[in-house]
Amino acid sequence: DHPLVFPSCHYHRGHPVKIAPDLLPALLSYTGEHGLRGA
């Protein structure tokens, strides 16, 4: 029960990622660097 969730193994975050649907507009509008990680 959290809007953004990553599984992590030995401090390395992995997949799958949980993304609350209401975060999608912000992810879609991001134009900065470092791709999805930056978003």
ModelCIF file with pLDDT and N, C-alpha, C, O atoms, coordinates in Angstrom:
data_MODEL
#
_entry.id   MODEL 
#
_entity.id                         1 
_entity.type                       polymer 
_entity.pdbx_number_of_molecules   1 
#
_entity_poly.entity_id                      1 
_entity_poly.type                           'polypeptide(L)' 
_entity_poly.nstd_linkage                   no 
_entity_poly.nstd_monomer                   no 
_entity_poly.pdbx_seq_one_letter_code       DHPLVFPSCHYHRGHPVKIAPDLLPALLSYTGEHGLRGA 
_entity_poly.pdbx_seq_one_letter_code_can   DHPLVFPSCHYHRGHPVKIAPDLLPALLSYTGEHGLRGA 
_entity_poly.pdbx_strand_id                 A 
#
loop_
_entity_poly_seq.entity_id 
_entity_poly_seq.num 
_entity_poly_seq.mon_id 
_entity_poly_seq.hetero 
1 1  ASP n 
1 2  HIS n 
1 3  PRO n 
1 4  LEU n 
1 5  VAL n 
1 6  PHE n 
1 7  PRO n 
1 8  SER n 
1 9  CYS n 
1 10 HIS n 
1 11 TYR n 
1 12 HIS n 
1 13 ARG n 
1 14 GLY n 
1 15 HIS n 
1 16 PRO n 
1 17 VAL n 
1 18 LYS n 
1 19 ILE n 
1 20 ALA n 
1 21 PRO n 
1 22 ASP n 
1 23 LEU n 
1 24 LEU n 
1 25 PRO n 
1 26 ALA n 
1 27 LEU n 
1 28 LEU n 
1 29 SER n 
1 30 TYR n 
1 31 THR n 
1 32 GLY n 
1 33 GLU n 
1 34 HIS n 
1 35 GLY n 
1 36 LEU n 
1 37 ARG n 
1 38 GLY n 
1 39 ALA n 
#
_struct_asym.id          A 
_struct_asym.entity_id   1 
#
loop_
_ma_qa_metric.id 
_ma_qa_metric.mode 
_ma_qa_metric.name 
_ma_qa_metric.software_group_id 
_ma_qa_metric.type 
1 global pLDDT . pLDDT 
2 local  pLDDT . pLDDT 
#
_ma_qa_metric_global.metric_id      1 
_ma_qa_metric_global.metric_value   94.64 
_ma_qa_metric_global.model_id       1 
_ma_qa_metric_global.ordinal_id     1 
#
loop_
_ma_qa_metric_local.label_asym_id 
_ma_qa_metric_local.label_comp_id 
_ma_qa_metric_local.label_seq_id 
_ma_qa_metric_local.metric_id 
_ma_qa_metric_local.metric_value 
_ma_qa_metric_local.model_id 
_ma_qa_metric_local.ordinal_id 
A ASP 1  2 95.00 1 1  
A HIS 2  2 97.00 1 2  
A PRO 3  2 97.00 1 3  
A LEU 4  2 97.00 1 4  
A VAL 5  2 97.00 1 5  
A PHE 6  2 97.00 1 6  
A PRO 7  2 97.00 1 7  
A SER 8  2 95.00 1 8  
A CYS 9  2 94.00 1 9  
A HIS 10 2 89.00 1 10 
A TYR 11 2 89.00 1 11 
A HIS 12 2 93.00 1 12 
A ARG 13 2 93.00 1 13 
A GLY 14 2 94.00 1 14 
A HIS 15 2 97.00 1 15 
A PRO 16 2 97.00 1 16 
A VAL 17 2 98.00 1 17 
A LYS 18 2 98.00 1 18 
A ILE 19 2 98.00 1 19 
A ALA 20 2 97.00 1 20 
A PRO 21 2 97.00 1 21 
A ASP 22 2 96.00 1 22 
A LEU 23 2 97.00 1 23 
A LEU 24 2 97.00 1 24 
A PRO 25 2 96.00 1 25 
A ALA 26 2 95.00 1 26 
A LEU 27 2 96.00 1 27 
A LEU 28 2 96.00 1 28 
A SER 29 2 95.00 1 29 
A TYR 30 2 94.00 1 30 
A THR 31 2 91.00 1 31 
A GLY 32 2 87.00 1 32 
A GLU 33 2 89.00 1 33 
A HIS 34 2 92.00 1 34 
A GLY 35 2 91.00 1 35 
A LEU 36 2 92.00 1 36 
A ARG 37 2 92.00 1 37 
A GLY 38 2 94.00 1 38 
A ALA 39 2 95.00 1 39 
#
loop_
_atom_site.group_PDB 
_atom_site.id 
_atom_site.type_symbol 
_atom_site.label_atom_id 
_atom_site.label_alt_id 
_atom_site.label_comp_id 
_atom_site.label_asym_id 
_atom_site.label_entity_id 
_atom_site.label_seq_id 
_atom_site.pdbx_PDB_ins_code 
_atom_site.Cartn_x 
_atom_site.Cartn_y 
_atom_site.Cartn_z 
_atom_site.occupancy 
_atom_site.B_iso_or_equiv 
_atom_site.pdbx_formal_charge 
_atom_site.auth_seq_id 
_atom_site.auth_comp_id 
_atom_site.auth_asym_id 
_atom_site.auth_atom_id 
_atom_site.pdbx_PDB_model_num 
ATOM 1   N N  . ASP A 1 1  ? 0.837  -1.202 0.000   1.00 95.00 ? 1  ASP A N  1 
ATOM 2   C CA . ASP A 1 1  ? 0.000  0.000  0.000   1.00 95.00 ? 1  ASP A CA 1 
ATOM 3   C C  . ASP A 1 1  ? 0.877  1.260  0.000   1.00 95.00 ? 1  ASP A C  1 
ATOM 4   O O  . ASP A 1 1  ? 1.051  1.918  1.025   1.00 95.00 ? 1  ASP A O  1 
ATOM 5   N N  . HIS A 1 2  ? 1.416  1.568  -1.171  1.00 97.00 ? 2  HIS A N  1 
ATOM 6   C CA . HIS A 1 2  ? 2.262  2.741  -1.340  1.00 97.00 ? 2  HIS A CA 1 
ATOM 7   C C  . HIS A 1 2  ? 2.273  3.091  -2.824  1.00 97.00 ? 2  HIS A C  1 
ATOM 8   O O  . HIS A 1 2  ? 2.170  2.188  -3.654  1.00 97.00 ? 2  HIS A O  1 
ATOM 9   N N  . PRO A 1 3  ? 2.396  4.369  -3.190  1.00 97.00 ? 3  PRO A N  1 
ATOM 10  C CA . PRO A 1 3  ? 2.293  4.742  -4.607  1.00 97.00 ? 3  PRO A CA 1 
ATOM 11  C C  . PRO A 1 3  ? 3.465  4.311  -5.486  1.00 97.00 ? 3  PRO A C  1 
ATOM 12  O O  . PRO A 1 3  ? 3.290  4.133  -6.692  1.00 97.00 ? 3  PRO A O  1 
ATOM 13  N N  . LEU A 1 4  ? 4.648  4.141  -4.914  1.00 97.00 ? 4  LEU A N  1 
ATOM 14  C CA . LEU A 1 4  ? 5.826  3.784  -5.713  1.00 97.00 ? 4  LEU A CA 1 
ATOM 15  C C  . LEU A 1 4  ? 6.645  2.766  -4.935  1.00 97.00 ? 4  LEU A C  1 
ATOM 16  O O  . LEU A 1 4  ? 7.191  3.075  -3.877  1.00 97.00 ? 4  LEU A O  1 
ATOM 17  N N  . VAL A 1 5  ? 6.727  1.555  -5.463  1.00 97.00 ? 5  VAL A N  1 
ATOM 18  C CA . VAL A 1 5  ? 7.345  0.454  -4.726  1.00 97.00 ? 5  VAL A CA 1 
ATOM 19  C C  . VAL A 1 5  ? 8.354  -0.262 -5.614  1.00 97.00 ? 5  VAL A C  1 
ATOM 20  O O  . VAL A 1 5  ? 8.056  -0.606 -6.758  1.00 97.00 ? 5  VAL A O  1 
ATOM 21  N N  . PHE A 1 6  ? 9.554  -0.484 -5.074  1.00 97.00 ? 6  PHE A N  1 
ATOM 22  C CA . PHE A 1 6  ? 10.591 -1.257 -5.752  1.00 97.00 ? 6  PHE A CA 1 
ATOM 23  C C  . PHE A 1 6  ? 10.987 -2.453 -4.887  1.00 97.00 ? 6  PHE A C  1 
ATOM 24  O O  . PHE A 1 6  ? 11.133 -2.302 -3.674  1.00 97.00 ? 6  PHE A O  1 
ATOM 25  N N  . PRO A 1 7  ? 11.163 -3.638 -5.475  1.00 97.00 ? 7  PRO A N  1 
ATOM 26  C CA . PRO A 1 7  ? 11.846 -4.696 -4.739  1.00 97.00 ? 7  PRO A CA 1 
ATOM 27  C C  . PRO A 1 7  ? 13.341 -4.403 -4.762  1.00 97.00 ? 7  PRO A C  1 
ATOM 28  O O  . PRO A 1 7  ? 13.848 -3.824 -5.723  1.00 97.00 ? 7  PRO A O  1 
ATOM 29  N N  . SER A 1 8  ? 14.034 -4.796 -3.724  1.00 95.00 ? 8  SER A N  1 
ATOM 30  C CA . SER A 1 8  ? 15.459 -4.480 -3.610  1.00 95.00 ? 8  SER A CA 1 
ATOM 31  C C  . SER A 1 8  ? 16.217 -5.689 -3.078  1.00 95.00 ? 8  SER A C  1 
ATOM 32  O O  . SER A 1 8  ? 15.785 -6.339 -2.126  1.00 95.00 ? 8  SER A O  1 
ATOM 33  N N  . CYS A 1 9  ? 17.355 -5.981 -3.707  1.00 94.00 ? 9  CYS A N  1 
ATOM 34  C CA . CYS A 1 9  ? 18.212 -7.091 -3.285  1.00 94.00 ? 9  CYS A CA 1 
ATOM 35  C C  . CYS A 1 9  ? 19.620 -6.546 -3.082  1.00 94.00 ? 9  CYS A C  1 
ATOM 36  O O  . CYS A 1 9  ? 20.272 -6.109 -4.030  1.00 94.00 ? 9  CYS A O  1 
ATOM 37  N N  . HIS A 1 10 ? 20.077 -6.579 -1.836  1.00 89.00 ? 10 HIS A N  1 
ATOM 38  C CA . HIS A 1 10 ? 21.412 -6.067 -1.508  1.00 89.00 ? 10 HIS A CA 1 
ATOM 39  C C  . HIS A 1 10 ? 21.619 -4.645 -2.036  1.00 89.00 ? 10 HIS A C  1 
ATOM 40  O O  . HIS A 1 10 ? 22.636 -4.331 -2.655  1.00 89.00 ? 10 HIS A O  1 
ATOM 41  N N  . TYR A 1 11 ? 20.641 -3.814 -1.776  1.00 89.00 ? 11 TYR A N  1 
ATOM 42  C CA . TYR A 1 11 ? 20.672 -2.380 -2.117  1.00 89.00 ? 11 TYR A CA 1 
ATOM 43  C C  . TYR A 1 11 ? 20.624 -2.102 -3.618  1.00 89.00 ? 11 TYR A C  1 
ATOM 44  O O  . TYR A 1 11 ? 20.904 -0.984 -4.051  1.00 89.00 ? 11 TYR A O  1 
ATOM 45  N N  . HIS A 1 12 ? 20.274 -3.105 -4.406  1.00 93.00 ? 12 HIS A N  1 
ATOM 46  C CA . HIS A 1 12 ? 20.061 -2.909 -5.846  1.00 93.00 ? 12 HIS A CA 1 
ATOM 47  C C  . HIS A 1 12 ? 18.567 -3.055 -6.119  1.00 93.00 ? 12 HIS A C  1 
ATOM 48  O O  . HIS A 1 12 ? 17.981 -4.102 -5.843  1.00 93.00 ? 12 HIS A O  1 
ATOM 49  N N  . ARG A 1 13 ? 17.957 -2.009 -6.658  1.00 93.00 ? 13 ARG A N  1 
ATOM 50  C CA . ARG A 1 13 ? 16.522 -2.106 -6.895  1.00 93.00 ? 13 ARG A CA 1 
ATOM 51  C C  . ARG A 1 13 ? 16.252 -2.844 -8.206  1.00 93.00 ? 13 ARG A C  1 
ATOM 52  O O  . ARG A 1 13 ? 16.977 -2.703 -9.191  1.00 93.00 ? 13 ARG A O  1 
ATOM 53  N N  . GLY A 1 14 ? 15.187 -3.632 -8.176  1.00 94.00 ? 14 GLY A N  1 
ATOM 54  C CA . GLY A 1 14 ? 14.897 -4.486 -9.323  1.00 94.00 ? 14 GLY A CA 1 
ATOM 55  C C  . GLY A 1 14 ? 13.478 -4.311 -9.825  1.00 94.00 ? 14 GLY A C  1 
ATOM 56  O O  . GLY A 1 14 ? 12.890 -3.237 -9.704  1.00 94.00 ? 14 GLY A O  1 
ATOM 57  N N  . HIS A 1 15 ? 12.935 -5.382 -10.392 1.00 97.00 ? 15 HIS A N  1 
ATOM 58  C CA . HIS A 1 15 ? 11.596 -5.370 -10.978 1.00 97.00 ? 15 HIS A CA 1 
ATOM 59  C C  . HIS A 1 15 ? 10.768 -6.500 -10.383 1.00 97.00 ? 15 HIS A C  1 
ATOM 60  O O  . HIS A 1 15 ? 11.305 -7.506 -9.920  1.00 97.00 ? 15 HIS A O  1 
ATOM 61  N N  . PRO A 1 16 ? 9.435  -6.314 -10.404 1.00 97.00 ? 16 PRO A N  1 
ATOM 62  C CA . PRO A 1 16 ? 8.651  -5.240 -11.022 1.00 97.00 ? 16 PRO A CA 1 
ATOM 63  C C  . PRO A 1 16 ? 8.545  -4.022 -10.114 1.00 97.00 ? 16 PRO A C  1 
ATOM 64  O O  . PRO A 1 16 ? 8.765  -4.104 -8.905  1.00 97.00 ? 16 PRO A O  1 
ATOM 65  N N  . VAL A 1 17 ? 8.208  -2.901 -10.718 1.00 98.00 ? 17 VAL A N  1 
ATOM 66  C CA . VAL A 1 17 ? 7.977  -1.657 -9.989  1.00 98.00 ? 17 VAL A CA 1 
ATOM 67  C C  . VAL A 1 17 ? 6.472  -1.419 -9.925  1.00 98.00 ? 17 VAL A C  1 
ATOM 68  O O  . VAL A 1 17 ? 5.768  -1.581 -10.922 1.00 98.00 ? 17 VAL A O  1 
ATOM 69  N N  . LYS A 1 18 ? 5.987  -1.036 -8.755  1.00 98.00 ? 18 LYS A N  1 
ATOM 70  C CA . LYS A 1 18 ? 4.584  -0.647 -8.635  1.00 98.00 ? 18 LYS A CA 1 
ATOM 71  C C  . LYS A 1 18 ? 4.477  0.866  -8.759  1.00 98.00 ? 18 LYS A C  1 
ATOM 72  O O  . LYS A 1 18 ? 5.192  1.609  -8.088  1.00 98.00 ? 18 LYS A O  1 
ATOM 73  N N  . ILE A 1 19 ? 3.572  1.313  -9.630  1.00 98.00 ? 19 ILE A N  1 
ATOM 74  C CA . ILE A 1 19 ? 3.379  2.731  -9.886  1.00 98.00 ? 19 ILE A CA 1 
ATOM 75  C C  . ILE A 1 19 ? 1.894  3.050  -9.732  1.00 98.00 ? 19 ILE A C  1 
ATOM 76  O O  . ILE A 1 19 ? 1.062  2.480  -10.437 1.00 98.00 ? 19 ILE A O  1 
ATOM 77  N N  . ALA A 1 20 ? 1.562  3.944  -8.827  1.00 97.00 ? 20 ALA A N  1 
ATOM 78  C CA . ALA A 1 20 ? 0.161  4.354  -8.708  1.00 97.00 ? 20 ALA A CA 1 
ATOM 79  C C  . ALA A 1 20 ? -0.282 5.014  -10.011 1.00 97.00 ? 20 ALA A C  1 
ATOM 80  O O  . ALA A 1 20 ? 0.440  5.857  -10.543 1.00 97.00 ? 20 ALA A O  1 
ATOM 81  N N  . PRO A 1 21 ? -1.449 4.651  -10.535 1.00 97.00 ? 21 PRO A N  1 
ATOM 82  C CA . PRO A 1 21 ? -1.896 5.237  -11.813 1.00 97.00 ? 21 PRO A CA 1 
ATOM 83  C C  . PRO A 1 21 ? -1.906 6.760  -11.827 1.00 97.00 ? 21 PRO A C  1 
ATOM 84  O O  . PRO A 1 21 ? -1.700 7.366  -12.878 1.00 97.00 ? 21 PRO A O  1 
ATOM 85  N N  . ASP A 1 22 ? -2.146 7.392  -10.668 1.00 96.00 ? 22 ASP A N  1 
ATOM 86  C CA . ASP A 1 22 ? -2.186 8.855  -10.677 1.00 96.00 ? 22 ASP A CA 1 
ATOM 87  C C  . ASP A 1 22 ? -0.801 9.494  -10.781 1.00 96.00 ? 22 ASP A C  1 
ATOM 88  O O  . ASP A 1 22 ? -0.687 10.717 -10.871 1.00 96.00 ? 22 ASP A O  1 
ATOM 89  N N  . LEU A 1 23 ? 0.261  8.666  -10.769 1.00 97.00 ? 23 LEU A N  1 
ATOM 90  C CA . LEU A 1 23 ? 1.615  9.178  -11.012 1.00 97.00 ? 23 LEU A CA 1 
ATOM 91  C C  . LEU A 1 23 ? 1.960  9.226  -12.505 1.00 97.00 ? 23 LEU A C  1 
ATOM 92  O O  . LEU A 1 23 ? 2.956  9.834  -12.895 1.00 97.00 ? 23 LEU A O  1 
ATOM 93  N N  . LEU A 1 24 ? 1.142  8.588  -13.329 1.00 97.00 ? 24 LEU A N  1 
ATOM 94  C CA . LEU A 1 24 ? 1.471  8.484  -14.755 1.00 97.00 ? 24 LEU A CA 1 
ATOM 95  C C  . LEU A 1 24 ? 1.575  9.835  -15.457 1.00 97.00 ? 24 LEU A C  1 
ATOM 96  O O  . LEU A 1 24 ? 2.490  10.007 -16.263 1.00 97.00 ? 24 LEU A O  1 
ATOM 97  N N  . PRO A 1 25 ? 0.691  10.806 -15.203 1.00 96.00 ? 25 PRO A N  1 
ATOM 98  C CA . PRO A 1 25 ? 0.854  12.092 -15.889 1.00 96.00 ? 25 PRO A CA 1 
ATOM 99  C C  . PRO A 1 25 ? 2.220  12.735 -15.649 1.00 96.00 ? 25 PRO A C  1 
ATOM 100 O O  . PRO A 1 25 ? 2.811  13.306 -16.566 1.00 96.00 ? 25 PRO A O  1 
ATOM 101 N N  . ALA A 1 26 ? 2.718  12.640 -14.418 1.00 95.00 ? 26 ALA A N  1 
ATOM 102 C CA . ALA A 1 26 ? 4.031  13.220 -14.116 1.00 95.00 ? 26 ALA A CA 1 
ATOM 103 C C  . ALA A 1 26 ? 5.142  12.462 -14.841 1.00 95.00 ? 26 ALA A C  1 
ATOM 104 O O  . ALA A 1 26 ? 6.086  13.079 -15.336 1.00 95.00 ? 26 ALA A O  1 
ATOM 105 N N  . LEU A 1 27 ? 5.041  11.141 -14.910 1.00 96.00 ? 27 LEU A N  1 
ATOM 106 C CA . LEU A 1 27 ? 6.055  10.346 -15.618 1.00 96.00 ? 27 LEU A CA 1 
ATOM 107 C C  . LEU A 1 27 ? 6.024  10.649 -17.114 1.00 96.00 ? 27 LEU A C  1 
ATOM 108 O O  . LEU A 1 27 ? 7.069  10.728 -17.759 1.00 96.00 ? 27 LEU A O  1 
ATOM 109 N N  . LEU A 1 28 ? 4.830  10.817 -17.656 1.00 96.00 ? 28 LEU A N  1 
ATOM 110 C CA . LEU A 1 28 ? 4.693  11.063 -19.092 1.00 96.00 ? 28 LEU A CA 1 
ATOM 111 C C  . LEU A 1 28 ? 5.165  12.457 -19.495 1.00 96.00 ? 28 LEU A C  1 
ATOM 112 O O  . LEU A 1 28 ? 5.580  12.671 -20.634 1.00 96.00 ? 28 LEU A O  1 
ATOM 113 N N  . SER A 1 29 ? 5.102  13.386 -18.575 1.00 95.00 ? 29 SER A N  1 
ATOM 114 C CA . SER A 1 29 ? 5.487  14.762 -18.912 1.00 95.00 ? 29 SER A CA 1 
ATOM 115 C C  . SER A 1 29 ? 6.960  15.052 -18.627 1.00 95.00 ? 29 SER A C  1 
ATOM 116 O O  . SER A 1 29 ? 7.447  16.135 -18.952 1.00 95.00 ? 29 SER A O  1 
ATOM 117 N N  . TYR A 1 30 ? 7.668  14.106 -18.029 1.00 94.00 ? 30 TYR A N  1 
ATOM 118 C CA . TYR A 1 30 ? 9.074  14.330 -17.680 1.00 94.00 ? 30 TYR A CA 1 
ATOM 119 C C  . TYR A 1 30 ? 9.934  14.455 -18.939 1.00 94.00 ? 30 TYR A C  1 
ATOM 120 O O  . TYR A 1 30 ? 9.823  13.642 -19.856 1.00 94.00 ? 30 TYR A O  1 
ATOM 121 N N  . THR A 1 31 ? 10.783 15.468 -18.976 1.00 91.00 ? 31 THR A N  1 
ATOM 122 C CA . THR A 1 31 ? 11.645 15.697 -20.143 1.00 91.00 ? 31 THR A CA 1 
ATOM 123 C C  . THR A 1 31 ? 13.115 15.850 -19.757 1.00 91.00 ? 31 THR A C  1 
ATOM 124 O O  . THR A 1 31 ? 13.934 16.293 -20.563 1.00 91.00 ? 31 THR A O  1 
ATOM 125 N N  . GLY A 1 32 ? 13.440 15.482 -18.527 1.00 87.00 ? 32 GLY A N  1 
ATOM 126 C CA . GLY A 1 32 ? 14.815 15.636 -18.050 1.00 87.00 ? 32 GLY A CA 1 
ATOM 127 C C  . GLY A 1 32 ? 15.730 14.509 -18.479 1.00 87.00 ? 32 GLY A C  1 
ATOM 128 O O  . GLY A 1 32 ? 15.433 13.765 -19.414 1.00 87.00 ? 32 GLY A O  1 
ATOM 129 N N  . GLU A 1 33 ? 16.843 14.395 -17.783 1.00 89.00 ? 33 GLU A N  1 
ATOM 130 C CA . GLU A 1 33 ? 17.873 13.411 -18.133 1.00 89.00 ? 33 GLU A CA 1 
ATOM 131 C C  . GLU A 1 33 ? 17.640 12.082 -17.417 1.00 89.00 ? 33 GLU A C  1 
ATOM 132 O O  . GLU A 1 33 ? 16.796 11.962 -16.529 1.00 89.00 ? 33 GLU A O  1 
ATOM 133 N N  . HIS A 1 34 ? 18.424 11.090 -17.842 1.00 92.00 ? 34 HIS A N  1 
ATOM 134 C CA . HIS A 1 34 ? 18.497 9.766  -17.210 1.00 92.00 ? 34 HIS A CA 1 
ATOM 135 C C  . HIS A 1 34 ? 17.224 8.939  -17.365 1.00 92.00 ? 34 HIS A C  1 
ATOM 136 O O  . HIS A 1 34 ? 16.966 8.034  -16.572 1.00 92.00 ? 34 HIS A O  1 
ATOM 137 N N  . GLY A 1 35 ? 16.426 9.255  -18.393 1.00 91.00 ? 35 GLY A N  1 
ATOM 138 C CA . GLY A 1 35 ? 15.318 8.388  -18.769 1.00 91.00 ? 35 GLY A CA 1 
ATOM 139 C C  . GLY A 1 35 ? 14.347 8.090  -17.646 1.00 91.00 ? 35 GLY A C  1 
ATOM 140 O O  . GLY A 1 35 ? 13.969 8.968  -16.870 1.00 91.00 ? 35 GLY A O  1 
ATOM 141 N N  . LEU A 1 36 ? 13.951 6.824  -17.580 1.00 92.00 ? 36 LEU A N  1 
ATOM 142 C CA . LEU A 1 36 ? 12.926 6.431  -16.615 1.00 92.00 ? 36 LEU A CA 1 
ATOM 143 C C  . LEU A 1 36 ? 13.425 6.600  -15.183 1.00 92.00 ? 36 LEU A C  1 
ATOM 144 O O  . LEU A 1 36 ? 12.656 6.992  -14.304 1.00 92.00 ? 36 LEU A O  1 
ATOM 145 N N  . ARG A 1 37 ? 14.691 6.312  -14.940 1.00 92.00 ? 37 ARG A N  1 
ATOM 146 C CA . ARG A 1 37 ? 15.237 6.486  -13.595 1.00 92.00 ? 37 ARG A CA 1 
ATOM 147 C C  . ARG A 1 37 ? 15.138 7.965  -13.167 1.00 92.00 ? 37 ARG A C  1 
ATOM 148 O O  . ARG A 1 37 ? 14.784 8.276  -12.030 1.00 92.00 ? 37 ARG A O  1 
ATOM 149 N N  . GLY A 1 38 ? 15.456 8.849  -14.101 1.00 94.00 ? 38 GLY A N  1 
ATOM 150 C CA . GLY A 1 38 ? 15.310 10.276 -13.817 1.00 94.00 ? 38 GLY A CA 1 
ATOM 151 C C  . GLY A 1 38 ? 13.868 10.671 -13.579 1.00 94.00 ? 38 GLY A C  1 
ATOM 152 O O  . GLY A 1 38 ? 13.573 11.504 -12.721 1.00 94.00 ? 38 GLY A O  1 
ATOM 153 N N  . ALA A 1 39 ? 12.966 10.064 -14.350 1.00 95.00 ? 39 ALA A N  1 
ATOM 154 C CA . ALA A 1 39 ? 11.535 10.362 -14.179 1.00 95.00 ? 39 ALA A CA 1 
ATOM 155 C C  . ALA A 1 39 ? 11.050 9.928  -12.802 1.00 95.00 ? 39 ALA A C  1 
ATOM 156 O O  . ALA A 1 39 ? 9.874  10.100 -12.479 1.00 95.00 ? 39 ALA A O  1 
#
